[in-house]
Amino acid sequence: MSDLSVSKSFHPLLAWLLLGLILSAVLMYGVVPTLLKSQQYSDDIEQGYLRLVKLRQAALDAPKFANEYERVAQQGLDKLFYPEGMTSAQVGKELQNQLTAVVAKHQGLMLSSEVLEPEKNQAEATATLYQQVSVQASFQGSMVLLRDVLHACAQARPLMFVDALEVRPVSEPETQQIKATVKVSTYWRGGAAL
């Protein structure tokens, strides 16, 4: 009989423990996830408002940007330099491809082509908007080939500049075969992103 009376005295304690267990389960599996999800939705809404403000500002500035783009496009200034979306390695590869195409067009022989590292004083000036990319190429062919390489550099868009040129005869003067080493540079609008 004493066992029965002891167990009856623990009934309220067990009831409170069971109630506490139920409340903690509801809190852990119901209230806390709901609060976390609510906070996430609040953050998403705040980020959405920030994006909306930026988009509204862009919409307000769009006519100004469109007018400036039209002015630049009419003057052809957008074609003078390589765009920011390219890397210096891509710009260097593009220069190499242009030189190789001209040499191949005239049945010349491309001996070597390499993208040069930026000069020390230019590498220190990384805050500038335009960054120089240089390629040095050696090729062998006729004088017509040399003329066309120089002409292609002068007419190229984006701009290409011949920084150095060395020409040597390869064979008899009658054949006019030459070996030329040319250093060509261009600029891209990636300097500010470095």
N, C-alpha and C. Protein backbone atom coordinates (compact mmCIF):
# COMPACT_ATOMS: atom_id res chain seq x y z
N MET A 1 0.80 -1.18 0.00
CA MET A 1 0.00 0.00 0.00
C MET A 1 0.85 1.26 0.00
N SER A 2 1.99 1.16 0.60
CA SER A 2 2.88 2.31 0.61
C SER A 2 3.42 2.59 -0.79
N ASP A 3 3.61 1.51 -1.58
CA ASP A 3 4.06 1.71 -2.97
C ASP A 3 3.02 2.48 -3.77
N LEU A 4 1.76 2.20 -3.52
CA LEU A 4 0.67 2.88 -4.21
C LEU A 4 0.59 4.34 -3.78
N SER A 5 0.81 4.64 -2.53
CA SER A 5 0.75 6.02 -2.05
C SER A 5 1.95 6.82 -2.55
N VAL A 6 3.13 6.18 -2.68
CA VAL A 6 4.32 6.87 -3.19
C VAL A 6 4.10 7.20 -4.65
N SER A 7 3.56 6.28 -5.40
CA SER A 7 3.34 6.54 -6.81
C SER A 7 2.29 7.62 -7.01
N LYS A 8 1.29 7.73 -6.12
CA LYS A 8 0.29 8.79 -6.23
C LYS A 8 0.92 10.14 -5.91
N SER A 9 1.93 10.18 -5.09
CA SER A 9 2.56 11.45 -4.76
C SER A 9 3.44 11.95 -5.92
N PHE A 10 3.90 11.03 -6.78
CA PHE A 10 4.71 11.43 -7.94
C PHE A 10 3.86 11.79 -9.16
N HIS A 11 2.54 11.58 -9.08
CA HIS A 11 1.66 11.88 -10.22
C HIS A 11 1.74 13.35 -10.61
N PRO A 12 1.65 14.30 -9.69
CA PRO A 12 1.74 15.71 -10.10
C PRO A 12 3.12 16.02 -10.69
N LEU A 13 4.15 15.45 -10.11
CA LEU A 13 5.50 15.69 -10.62
C LEU A 13 5.64 15.13 -12.04
N LEU A 14 5.15 13.93 -12.26
CA LEU A 14 5.18 13.34 -13.59
C LEU A 14 4.35 14.15 -14.58
N ALA A 15 3.21 14.68 -14.11
CA ALA A 15 2.35 15.49 -14.97
C ALA A 15 3.08 16.77 -15.37
N TRP A 16 3.77 17.40 -14.41
CA TRP A 16 4.54 18.62 -14.72
C TRP A 16 5.71 18.32 -15.65
N LEU A 17 6.37 17.19 -15.43
CA LEU A 17 7.47 16.81 -16.32
C LEU A 17 6.97 16.53 -17.74
N LEU A 18 5.85 15.86 -17.82
CA LEU A 18 5.27 15.58 -19.13
C LEU A 18 4.84 16.87 -19.82
N LEU A 19 4.24 17.80 -19.07
CA LEU A 19 3.84 19.10 -19.62
C LEU A 19 5.08 19.89 -20.08
N GLY A 20 6.14 19.86 -19.27
CA GLY A 20 7.39 20.54 -19.65
C GLY A 20 8.01 19.94 -20.91
N LEU A 21 7.94 18.61 -21.00
CA LEU A 21 8.46 17.93 -22.18
C LEU A 21 7.66 18.31 -23.42
N ILE A 22 6.37 18.36 -23.30
CA ILE A 22 5.50 18.74 -24.43
C ILE A 22 5.76 20.19 -24.84
N LEU A 23 5.88 21.07 -23.83
CA LEU A 23 6.13 22.49 -24.13
C LEU A 23 7.51 22.67 -24.79
N SER A 24 8.53 21.97 -24.32
CA SER A 24 9.85 22.11 -24.93
C SER A 24 9.84 21.54 -26.35
N ALA A 25 9.10 20.45 -26.59
CA ALA A 25 9.00 19.89 -27.94
C ALA A 25 8.29 20.86 -28.87
N VAL A 26 7.21 21.47 -28.38
CA VAL A 26 6.50 22.47 -29.20
C VAL A 26 7.40 23.66 -29.48
N LEU A 27 8.16 24.07 -28.46
CA LEU A 27 9.07 25.20 -28.62
C LEU A 27 10.18 24.86 -29.63
N MET A 28 10.78 23.66 -29.50
CA MET A 28 11.90 23.28 -30.36
C MET A 28 11.45 22.99 -31.79
N TYR A 29 10.32 22.34 -31.97
CA TYR A 29 9.90 21.92 -33.30
C TYR A 29 8.82 22.79 -33.92
N GLY A 30 8.32 23.74 -33.19
CA GLY A 30 7.27 24.61 -33.73
C GLY A 30 7.63 26.08 -33.70
N VAL A 31 7.94 26.60 -32.54
CA VAL A 31 8.14 28.04 -32.38
C VAL A 31 9.50 28.48 -32.95
N VAL A 32 10.58 27.78 -32.59
CA VAL A 32 11.92 28.19 -33.03
C VAL A 32 12.03 28.12 -34.56
N PRO A 33 11.62 27.04 -35.23
CA PRO A 33 11.69 27.04 -36.70
C PRO A 33 10.83 28.14 -37.33
N THR A 34 9.68 28.41 -36.71
CA THR A 34 8.83 29.47 -37.23
C THR A 34 9.51 30.83 -37.11
N LEU A 35 10.16 31.08 -35.98
CA LEU A 35 10.87 32.34 -35.80
C LEU A 35 12.05 32.46 -36.77
N LEU A 36 12.78 31.35 -36.97
CA LEU A 36 13.90 31.37 -37.91
C LEU A 36 13.42 31.62 -39.34
N LYS A 37 12.34 30.98 -39.73
CA LYS A 37 11.78 31.18 -41.07
C LYS A 37 11.28 32.61 -41.22
N SER A 38 10.67 33.13 -40.18
CA SER A 38 10.20 34.53 -40.20
C SER A 38 11.37 35.49 -40.38
N GLN A 39 12.48 35.23 -39.68
CA GLN A 39 13.67 36.08 -39.81
C GLN A 39 14.24 35.99 -41.22
N GLN A 40 14.24 34.78 -41.78
CA GLN A 40 14.74 34.60 -43.15
C GLN A 40 13.87 35.37 -44.14
N TYR A 41 12.55 35.30 -43.98
CA TYR A 41 11.65 36.05 -44.85
C TYR A 41 11.86 37.55 -44.70
N SER A 42 12.09 38.00 -43.46
CA SER A 42 12.35 39.43 -43.25
C SER A 42 13.63 39.86 -43.95
N ASP A 43 14.67 39.03 -43.86
CA ASP A 43 15.92 39.35 -44.55
C ASP A 43 15.73 39.36 -46.06
N ASP A 44 14.97 38.38 -46.57
CA ASP A 44 14.70 38.34 -48.01
C ASP A 44 13.95 39.58 -48.47
N ILE A 45 12.98 40.01 -47.67
CA ILE A 45 12.22 41.21 -48.02
C ILE A 45 13.12 42.44 -48.01
N GLU A 46 14.00 42.52 -47.01
CA GLU A 46 14.92 43.66 -46.93
C GLU A 46 15.87 43.68 -48.12
N GLN A 47 16.40 42.50 -48.49
CA GLN A 47 17.27 42.41 -49.67
C GLN A 47 16.50 42.77 -50.94
N GLY A 48 15.25 42.35 -51.00
CA GLY A 48 14.41 42.69 -52.15
C GLY A 48 14.19 44.19 -52.27
N TYR A 49 13.98 44.85 -51.14
CA TYR A 49 13.83 46.31 -51.17
C TYR A 49 15.11 47.00 -51.60
N LEU A 50 16.26 46.48 -51.15
CA LEU A 50 17.53 47.07 -51.58
C LEU A 50 17.73 46.91 -53.09
N ARG A 51 17.40 45.72 -53.61
CA ARG A 51 17.51 45.51 -55.05
C ARG A 51 16.54 46.40 -55.80
N LEU A 52 15.34 46.57 -55.25
CA LEU A 52 14.34 47.42 -55.88
C LEU A 52 14.82 48.87 -55.95
N VAL A 53 15.45 49.34 -54.87
CA VAL A 53 15.97 50.71 -54.87
C VAL A 53 17.05 50.86 -55.94
N LYS A 54 17.95 49.86 -56.05
CA LYS A 54 19.00 49.91 -57.07
C LYS A 54 18.41 49.88 -58.47
N LEU A 55 17.41 49.03 -58.69
CA LEU A 55 16.78 48.95 -60.00
C LEU A 55 16.05 50.24 -60.35
N ARG A 56 15.39 50.85 -59.37
CA ARG A 56 14.72 52.14 -59.62
C ARG A 56 15.74 53.21 -59.98
N GLN A 57 16.89 53.21 -59.28
CA GLN A 57 17.94 54.18 -59.58
C GLN A 57 18.49 53.94 -60.98
N ALA A 58 18.67 52.67 -61.34
CA ALA A 58 19.15 52.35 -62.69
C ALA A 58 18.13 52.77 -63.74
N ALA A 59 16.85 52.57 -63.44
CA ALA A 59 15.81 52.98 -64.38
C ALA A 59 15.79 54.50 -64.55
N LEU A 60 16.03 55.22 -63.47
CA LEU A 60 16.08 56.69 -63.57
C LEU A 60 17.30 57.15 -64.35
N ASP A 61 18.43 56.42 -64.20
CA ASP A 61 19.66 56.80 -64.89
C ASP A 61 19.75 56.24 -66.30
N ALA A 62 18.85 55.34 -66.68
CA ALA A 62 18.93 54.68 -67.98
C ALA A 62 18.95 55.65 -69.16
N PRO A 63 18.10 56.67 -69.20
CA PRO A 63 18.17 57.59 -70.34
C PRO A 63 19.53 58.30 -70.44
N LYS A 64 20.10 58.67 -69.30
CA LYS A 64 21.40 59.33 -69.30
C LYS A 64 22.47 58.38 -69.84
N PHE A 65 22.44 57.11 -69.39
CA PHE A 65 23.41 56.13 -69.88
C PHE A 65 23.20 55.83 -71.37
N ALA A 66 21.94 55.76 -71.78
CA ALA A 66 21.65 55.48 -73.19
C ALA A 66 22.17 56.62 -74.08
N ASN A 67 21.98 57.85 -73.65
CA ASN A 67 22.49 58.99 -74.43
C ASN A 67 24.00 58.97 -74.50
N GLU A 68 24.67 58.68 -73.39
CA GLU A 68 26.12 58.63 -73.38
C GLU A 68 26.63 57.47 -74.24
N TYR A 69 25.96 56.32 -74.18
CA TYR A 69 26.36 55.19 -75.02
C TYR A 69 26.21 55.53 -76.50
N GLU A 70 25.11 56.18 -76.86
CA GLU A 70 24.90 56.58 -78.25
C GLU A 70 26.00 57.53 -78.72
N ARG A 71 26.38 58.47 -77.86
CA ARG A 71 27.43 59.43 -78.22
C ARG A 71 28.74 58.70 -78.44
N VAL A 72 29.07 57.78 -77.54
CA VAL A 72 30.32 57.02 -77.66
C VAL A 72 30.28 56.12 -78.89
N ALA A 73 29.15 55.47 -79.13
CA ALA A 73 29.03 54.57 -80.28
C ALA A 73 29.12 55.35 -81.59
N GLN A 74 28.52 56.54 -81.66
CA GLN A 74 28.57 57.34 -82.87
C GLN A 74 29.99 57.78 -83.18
N GLN A 75 30.76 58.06 -82.17
CA GLN A 75 32.14 58.48 -82.37
C GLN A 75 33.08 57.29 -82.55
N GLY A 76 32.58 56.08 -82.33
CA GLY A 76 33.40 54.88 -82.49
C GLY A 76 34.35 54.63 -81.33
N LEU A 77 34.16 55.34 -80.23
CA LEU A 77 35.08 55.21 -79.10
C LEU A 77 34.94 53.86 -78.39
N ASP A 78 33.78 53.22 -78.54
CA ASP A 78 33.59 51.94 -77.87
C ASP A 78 34.40 50.82 -78.51
N LYS A 79 34.93 51.04 -79.69
CA LYS A 79 35.70 50.02 -80.39
C LYS A 79 37.21 50.21 -80.26
N LEU A 80 37.66 51.24 -79.54
CA LEU A 80 39.09 51.55 -79.49
C LEU A 80 39.86 50.67 -78.52
N PHE A 81 39.21 50.17 -77.48
CA PHE A 81 39.90 49.39 -76.46
C PHE A 81 39.12 48.12 -76.19
N TYR A 82 39.82 47.13 -75.67
CA TYR A 82 39.15 45.89 -75.30
C TYR A 82 38.31 46.12 -74.05
N PRO A 83 37.16 45.45 -73.94
CA PRO A 83 36.25 45.71 -72.81
C PRO A 83 36.71 45.06 -71.51
N GLU A 84 36.08 45.50 -70.41
CA GLU A 84 36.40 45.01 -69.08
C GLU A 84 36.12 43.52 -68.92
N GLY A 85 35.18 42.99 -69.70
CA GLY A 85 34.81 41.59 -69.54
C GLY A 85 35.92 40.61 -69.88
N MET A 86 36.97 41.09 -70.54
CA MET A 86 38.08 40.22 -70.92
C MET A 86 39.18 40.32 -69.87
N THR A 87 40.02 39.31 -69.82
CA THR A 87 41.20 39.36 -68.96
C THR A 87 42.40 39.74 -69.83
N SER A 88 43.51 40.08 -69.19
CA SER A 88 44.71 40.44 -69.97
C SER A 88 45.20 39.24 -70.76
N ALA A 89 45.03 38.03 -70.24
CA ALA A 89 45.44 36.83 -70.97
C ALA A 89 44.60 36.66 -72.24
N GLN A 90 43.30 36.94 -72.15
CA GLN A 90 42.44 36.84 -73.33
C GLN A 90 42.80 37.90 -74.36
N VAL A 91 43.11 39.11 -73.90
CA VAL A 91 43.51 40.18 -74.81
C VAL A 91 44.82 39.81 -75.50
N GLY A 92 45.78 39.28 -74.74
CA GLY A 92 47.04 38.85 -75.32
C GLY A 92 46.84 37.75 -76.35
N LYS A 93 45.97 36.81 -76.06
CA LYS A 93 45.68 35.72 -77.00
C LYS A 93 45.03 36.28 -78.26
N GLU A 94 44.16 37.27 -78.11
CA GLU A 94 43.52 37.91 -79.25
C GLU A 94 44.56 38.59 -80.15
N LEU A 95 45.53 39.28 -79.54
CA LEU A 95 46.61 39.90 -80.31
C LEU A 95 47.42 38.84 -81.06
N GLN A 96 47.76 37.77 -80.38
CA GLN A 96 48.51 36.69 -81.02
C GLN A 96 47.73 36.12 -82.21
N ASN A 97 46.42 35.93 -82.03
CA ASN A 97 45.60 35.38 -83.11
C ASN A 97 45.55 36.33 -84.31
N GLN A 98 45.46 37.64 -84.05
CA GLN A 98 45.43 38.60 -85.15
C GLN A 98 46.74 38.59 -85.93
N LEU A 99 47.85 38.57 -85.23
CA LEU A 99 49.15 38.52 -85.92
C LEU A 99 49.32 37.21 -86.69
N THR A 100 48.93 36.12 -86.09
CA THR A 100 49.05 34.81 -86.74
C THR A 100 48.18 34.76 -88.00
N ALA A 101 46.99 35.36 -87.94
CA ALA A 101 46.09 35.36 -89.11
C ALA A 101 46.71 36.13 -90.27
N VAL A 102 47.33 37.27 -90.00
CA VAL A 102 47.95 38.05 -91.07
C VAL A 102 49.14 37.29 -91.66
N VAL A 103 49.95 36.69 -90.80
CA VAL A 103 51.12 35.93 -91.28
C VAL A 103 50.67 34.73 -92.12
N ALA A 104 49.64 34.03 -91.66
CA ALA A 104 49.14 32.85 -92.40
C ALA A 104 48.52 33.26 -93.73
N LYS A 105 47.89 34.42 -93.77
CA LYS A 105 47.24 34.89 -95.00
C LYS A 105 48.27 35.06 -96.12
N HIS A 106 49.49 35.44 -95.79
CA HIS A 106 50.53 35.68 -96.80
C HIS A 106 51.55 34.54 -96.85
N GLN A 107 51.17 33.36 -96.39
CA GLN A 107 52.02 32.19 -96.40
C GLN A 107 53.37 32.44 -95.72
N GLY A 108 53.32 33.27 -94.68
CA GLY A 108 54.52 33.50 -93.89
C GLY A 108 54.68 32.40 -92.85
N LEU A 109 55.78 32.44 -92.15
CA LEU A 109 56.06 31.44 -91.14
C LEU A 109 56.16 32.13 -89.78
N MET A 110 55.24 31.82 -88.87
CA MET A 110 55.29 32.39 -87.52
C MET A 110 56.30 31.58 -86.73
N LEU A 111 57.38 32.23 -86.34
CA LEU A 111 58.46 31.54 -85.61
C LEU A 111 58.19 31.47 -84.12
N SER A 112 57.70 32.57 -83.55
CA SER A 112 57.37 32.57 -82.12
C SER A 112 56.42 33.71 -81.83
N SER A 113 55.71 33.55 -80.74
CA SER A 113 54.76 34.58 -80.31
C SER A 113 54.55 34.41 -78.81
N GLU A 114 54.71 35.50 -78.07
CA GLU A 114 54.53 35.40 -76.62
C GLU A 114 53.93 36.69 -76.07
N VAL A 115 53.10 36.53 -75.05
CA VAL A 115 52.54 37.67 -74.33
C VAL A 115 53.59 38.10 -73.32
N LEU A 116 53.93 39.39 -73.34
CA LEU A 116 54.97 39.91 -72.46
C LEU A 116 54.38 40.33 -71.12
N GLU A 117 55.17 40.18 -70.09
CA GLU A 117 54.77 40.65 -68.76
C GLU A 117 54.74 42.18 -68.77
N PRO A 118 53.83 42.80 -68.01
CA PRO A 118 53.81 44.26 -67.97
C PRO A 118 55.12 44.80 -67.40
N GLU A 119 55.50 45.97 -67.88
CA GLU A 119 56.71 46.61 -67.36
C GLU A 119 56.50 46.96 -65.91
N LYS A 120 57.62 47.10 -65.17
CA LYS A 120 57.55 47.30 -63.72
C LYS A 120 56.79 48.56 -63.36
N ASN A 121 57.08 49.68 -64.03
CA ASN A 121 56.40 50.93 -63.68
C ASN A 121 54.92 50.86 -64.03
N GLN A 122 54.56 50.09 -65.06
CA GLN A 122 53.15 49.95 -65.38
C GLN A 122 52.46 49.02 -64.40
N ALA A 123 53.15 47.98 -63.96
CA ALA A 123 52.56 47.04 -63.00
C ALA A 123 52.26 47.72 -61.68
N GLU A 124 53.06 48.74 -61.34
CA GLU A 124 52.81 49.47 -60.10
C GLU A 124 51.61 50.40 -60.22
N ALA A 125 51.28 50.82 -61.42
CA ALA A 125 50.17 51.75 -61.63
C ALA A 125 48.89 50.99 -61.92
N THR A 126 48.48 50.12 -61.01
CA THR A 126 47.31 49.28 -61.24
C THR A 126 46.00 50.01 -61.02
N ALA A 127 46.05 51.24 -60.52
CA ALA A 127 44.82 51.98 -60.28
C ALA A 127 44.31 52.66 -61.55
N THR A 128 45.07 52.60 -62.65
CA THR A 128 44.63 53.24 -63.88
C THR A 128 43.51 52.42 -64.51
N LEU A 129 42.69 53.10 -65.29
CA LEU A 129 41.55 52.44 -65.91
C LEU A 129 41.98 51.53 -67.06
N TYR A 130 42.97 51.97 -67.84
CA TYR A 130 43.41 51.20 -69.00
C TYR A 130 44.74 50.52 -68.70
N GLN A 131 44.81 49.25 -69.03
CA GLN A 131 46.01 48.44 -68.77
C GLN A 131 46.60 48.00 -70.10
N GLN A 132 47.90 48.12 -70.24
CA GLN A 132 48.58 47.74 -71.48
C GLN A 132 48.86 46.24 -71.51
N VAL A 133 48.66 45.66 -72.69
CA VAL A 133 48.99 44.26 -72.94
C VAL A 133 49.88 44.23 -74.18
N SER A 134 51.02 43.56 -74.10
CA SER A 134 51.98 43.53 -75.21
C SER A 134 52.27 42.10 -75.64
N VAL A 135 52.50 41.96 -76.94
CA VAL A 135 52.85 40.67 -77.53
C VAL A 135 54.07 40.88 -78.41
N GLN A 136 55.02 39.97 -78.31
CA GLN A 136 56.19 40.00 -79.19
C GLN A 136 56.12 38.77 -80.08
N ALA A 137 56.24 39.01 -81.40
CA ALA A 137 56.13 37.92 -82.36
C ALA A 137 57.28 38.00 -83.35
N SER A 138 57.80 36.85 -83.73
CA SER A 138 58.82 36.75 -84.78
C SER A 138 58.23 35.94 -85.91
N PHE A 139 58.41 36.45 -87.13
CA PHE A 139 57.89 35.74 -88.29
C PHE A 139 58.85 35.90 -89.45
N GLN A 140 58.68 35.05 -90.44
CA GLN A 140 59.52 35.06 -91.62
C GLN A 140 58.61 35.09 -92.84
N GLY A 141 58.97 35.92 -93.80
CA GLY A 141 58.16 36.01 -95.01
C GLY A 141 58.67 37.11 -95.92
N SER A 142 57.78 37.58 -96.77
CA SER A 142 58.16 38.60 -97.75
C SER A 142 57.98 40.00 -97.17
N MET A 143 58.46 40.98 -97.93
CA MET A 143 58.26 42.38 -97.54
C MET A 143 56.79 42.75 -97.57
N VAL A 144 56.03 42.11 -98.45
CA VAL A 144 54.58 42.35 -98.52
C VAL A 144 53.93 41.91 -97.20
N LEU A 145 54.41 40.81 -96.67
CA LEU A 145 53.90 40.34 -95.37
C LEU A 145 54.18 41.37 -94.29
N LEU A 146 55.39 41.89 -94.24
CA LEU A 146 55.72 42.91 -93.24
C LEU A 146 54.83 44.13 -93.39
N ARG A 147 54.66 44.56 -94.62
CA ARG A 147 53.80 45.71 -94.87
C ARG A 147 52.37 45.45 -94.39
N ASP A 148 51.85 44.26 -94.66
CA ASP A 148 50.48 43.95 -94.25
C ASP A 148 50.35 43.79 -92.74
N VAL A 149 51.39 43.30 -92.08
CA VAL A 149 51.35 43.22 -90.61
C VAL A 149 51.27 44.63 -90.03
N LEU A 150 52.10 45.52 -90.55
CA LEU A 150 52.08 46.90 -90.06
C LEU A 150 50.75 47.59 -90.40
N HIS A 151 50.24 47.31 -91.59
CA HIS A 151 48.95 47.89 -91.99
C HIS A 151 47.82 47.36 -91.10
N ALA A 152 47.84 46.06 -90.81
CA ALA A 152 46.81 45.47 -89.95
C ALA A 152 46.86 46.08 -88.56
N CYS A 153 48.06 46.34 -88.06
CA CYS A 153 48.19 46.96 -86.74
C CYS A 153 47.64 48.38 -86.75
N ALA A 154 47.92 49.12 -87.83
CA ALA A 154 47.46 50.51 -87.91
C ALA A 154 45.95 50.60 -88.06
N GLN A 155 45.33 49.62 -88.73
CA GLN A 155 43.89 49.66 -88.99
C GLN A 155 43.06 48.93 -87.94
N ALA A 156 43.69 48.27 -87.02
CA ALA A 156 42.96 47.39 -86.08
C ALA A 156 42.07 48.19 -85.14
N ARG A 157 40.93 47.63 -84.87
CA ARG A 157 40.03 48.12 -83.82
C ARG A 157 39.66 46.92 -82.99
N PRO A 158 39.93 46.90 -81.73
CA PRO A 158 40.58 47.86 -80.85
C PRO A 158 42.00 48.20 -81.31
N LEU A 159 42.46 49.35 -80.85
CA LEU A 159 43.74 49.90 -81.28
C LEU A 159 44.90 48.96 -80.99
N MET A 160 45.85 48.91 -81.93
CA MET A 160 47.10 48.18 -81.75
C MET A 160 48.23 49.15 -82.07
N PHE A 161 49.29 49.09 -81.29
CA PHE A 161 50.43 49.98 -81.47
C PHE A 161 51.68 49.13 -81.66
N VAL A 162 52.51 49.51 -82.65
CA VAL A 162 53.78 48.84 -82.86
C VAL A 162 54.81 49.56 -82.00
N ASP A 163 55.29 48.89 -80.97
CA ASP A 163 56.25 49.48 -80.04
C ASP A 163 57.69 49.29 -80.52
N ALA A 164 57.96 48.18 -81.16
CA ALA A 164 59.33 47.91 -81.62
C ALA A 164 59.25 47.03 -82.86
N LEU A 165 60.22 47.23 -83.76
CA LEU A 165 60.28 46.44 -84.98
C LEU A 165 61.74 46.22 -85.35
N GLU A 166 62.09 44.98 -85.60
CA GLU A 166 63.44 44.63 -86.04
C GLU A 166 63.31 43.76 -87.27
N VAL A 167 63.98 44.16 -88.36
CA VAL A 167 63.88 43.44 -89.63
C VAL A 167 65.28 43.07 -90.09
N ARG A 168 65.45 41.79 -90.50
CA ARG A 168 66.73 41.31 -91.03
C ARG A 168 66.46 40.49 -92.30
N PRO A 169 67.33 40.62 -93.29
CA PRO A 169 67.17 39.77 -94.47
C PRO A 169 67.55 38.33 -94.13
N VAL A 170 66.85 37.39 -94.76
CA VAL A 170 67.09 35.98 -94.48
C VAL A 170 67.87 35.34 -95.62
N SER A 171 67.58 35.73 -96.83
CA SER A 171 68.22 35.07 -97.98
C SER A 171 68.72 36.12 -98.96
N GLU A 172 68.83 35.74 -100.19
CA GLU A 172 69.31 36.63 -101.25
C GLU A 172 68.41 37.87 -101.35
N PRO A 173 68.99 39.03 -101.65
CA PRO A 173 68.19 40.26 -101.78
C PRO A 173 67.13 40.17 -102.87
N GLU A 174 67.33 39.33 -103.88
CA GLU A 174 66.35 39.23 -104.97
C GLU A 174 65.03 38.64 -104.47
N THR A 175 65.10 37.70 -103.54
CA THR A 175 63.86 37.05 -103.06
C THR A 175 63.13 37.91 -102.03
N GLN A 176 63.82 38.82 -101.43
CA GLN A 176 63.26 39.74 -100.44
C GLN A 176 62.59 39.00 -99.28
N GLN A 177 63.15 37.91 -98.85
CA GLN A 177 62.67 37.20 -97.67
C GLN A 177 63.30 37.84 -96.43
N ILE A 178 62.49 38.10 -95.43
CA ILE A 178 62.96 38.77 -94.23
C ILE A 178 62.53 37.99 -92.99
N LYS A 179 63.23 38.26 -91.92
CA LYS A 179 62.82 37.78 -90.60
C LYS A 179 62.56 39.03 -89.78
N ALA A 180 61.35 39.13 -89.21
CA ALA A 180 60.97 40.33 -88.47
C ALA A 180 60.55 39.95 -87.06
N THR A 181 60.90 40.81 -86.14
CA THR A 181 60.43 40.69 -84.75
C THR A 181 59.69 41.98 -84.45
N VAL A 182 58.44 41.83 -84.05
CA VAL A 182 57.60 43.00 -83.80
C VAL A 182 57.00 42.89 -82.40
N LYS A 183 56.98 44.03 -81.71
CA LYS A 183 56.32 44.10 -80.40
C LYS A 183 55.09 44.98 -80.58
N VAL A 184 53.93 44.39 -80.31
CA VAL A 184 52.65 45.07 -80.51
C VAL A 184 51.95 45.19 -79.17
N SER A 185 51.34 46.36 -78.94
CA SER A 185 50.62 46.60 -77.68
C SER A 185 49.20 47.04 -77.96
N THR A 186 48.36 46.81 -76.99
CA THR A 186 47.00 47.33 -77.00
C THR A 186 46.60 47.61 -75.56
N TYR A 187 45.41 48.13 -75.37
CA TYR A 187 44.93 48.46 -74.03
C TYR A 187 43.56 47.84 -73.81
N TRP A 188 43.30 47.51 -72.56
CA TRP A 188 41.98 47.01 -72.18
C TRP A 188 41.53 47.72 -70.92
N ARG A 189 40.21 47.78 -70.76
CA ARG A 189 39.63 48.52 -69.64
C ARG A 189 39.49 47.64 -68.41
N GLY A 190 40.57 47.00 -68.00
CA GLY A 190 40.51 46.13 -66.83
C GLY A 190 41.43 46.56 -65.74
N GLY A 191 42.14 47.66 -65.92
CA GLY A 191 43.12 48.08 -64.94
C GLY A 191 42.53 48.41 -63.60
N ALA A 192 41.32 49.00 -63.58
CA ALA A 192 40.72 49.41 -62.31
C ALA A 192 40.28 48.22 -61.49
N ALA A 193 40.02 47.08 -62.15
CA ALA A 193 39.54 45.90 -61.44
C ALA A 193 40.66 45.10 -60.82
N LEU A 194 41.92 45.42 -61.13
CA LEU A 194 43.04 44.62 -60.62
C LEU A 194 43.26 44.80 -59.16
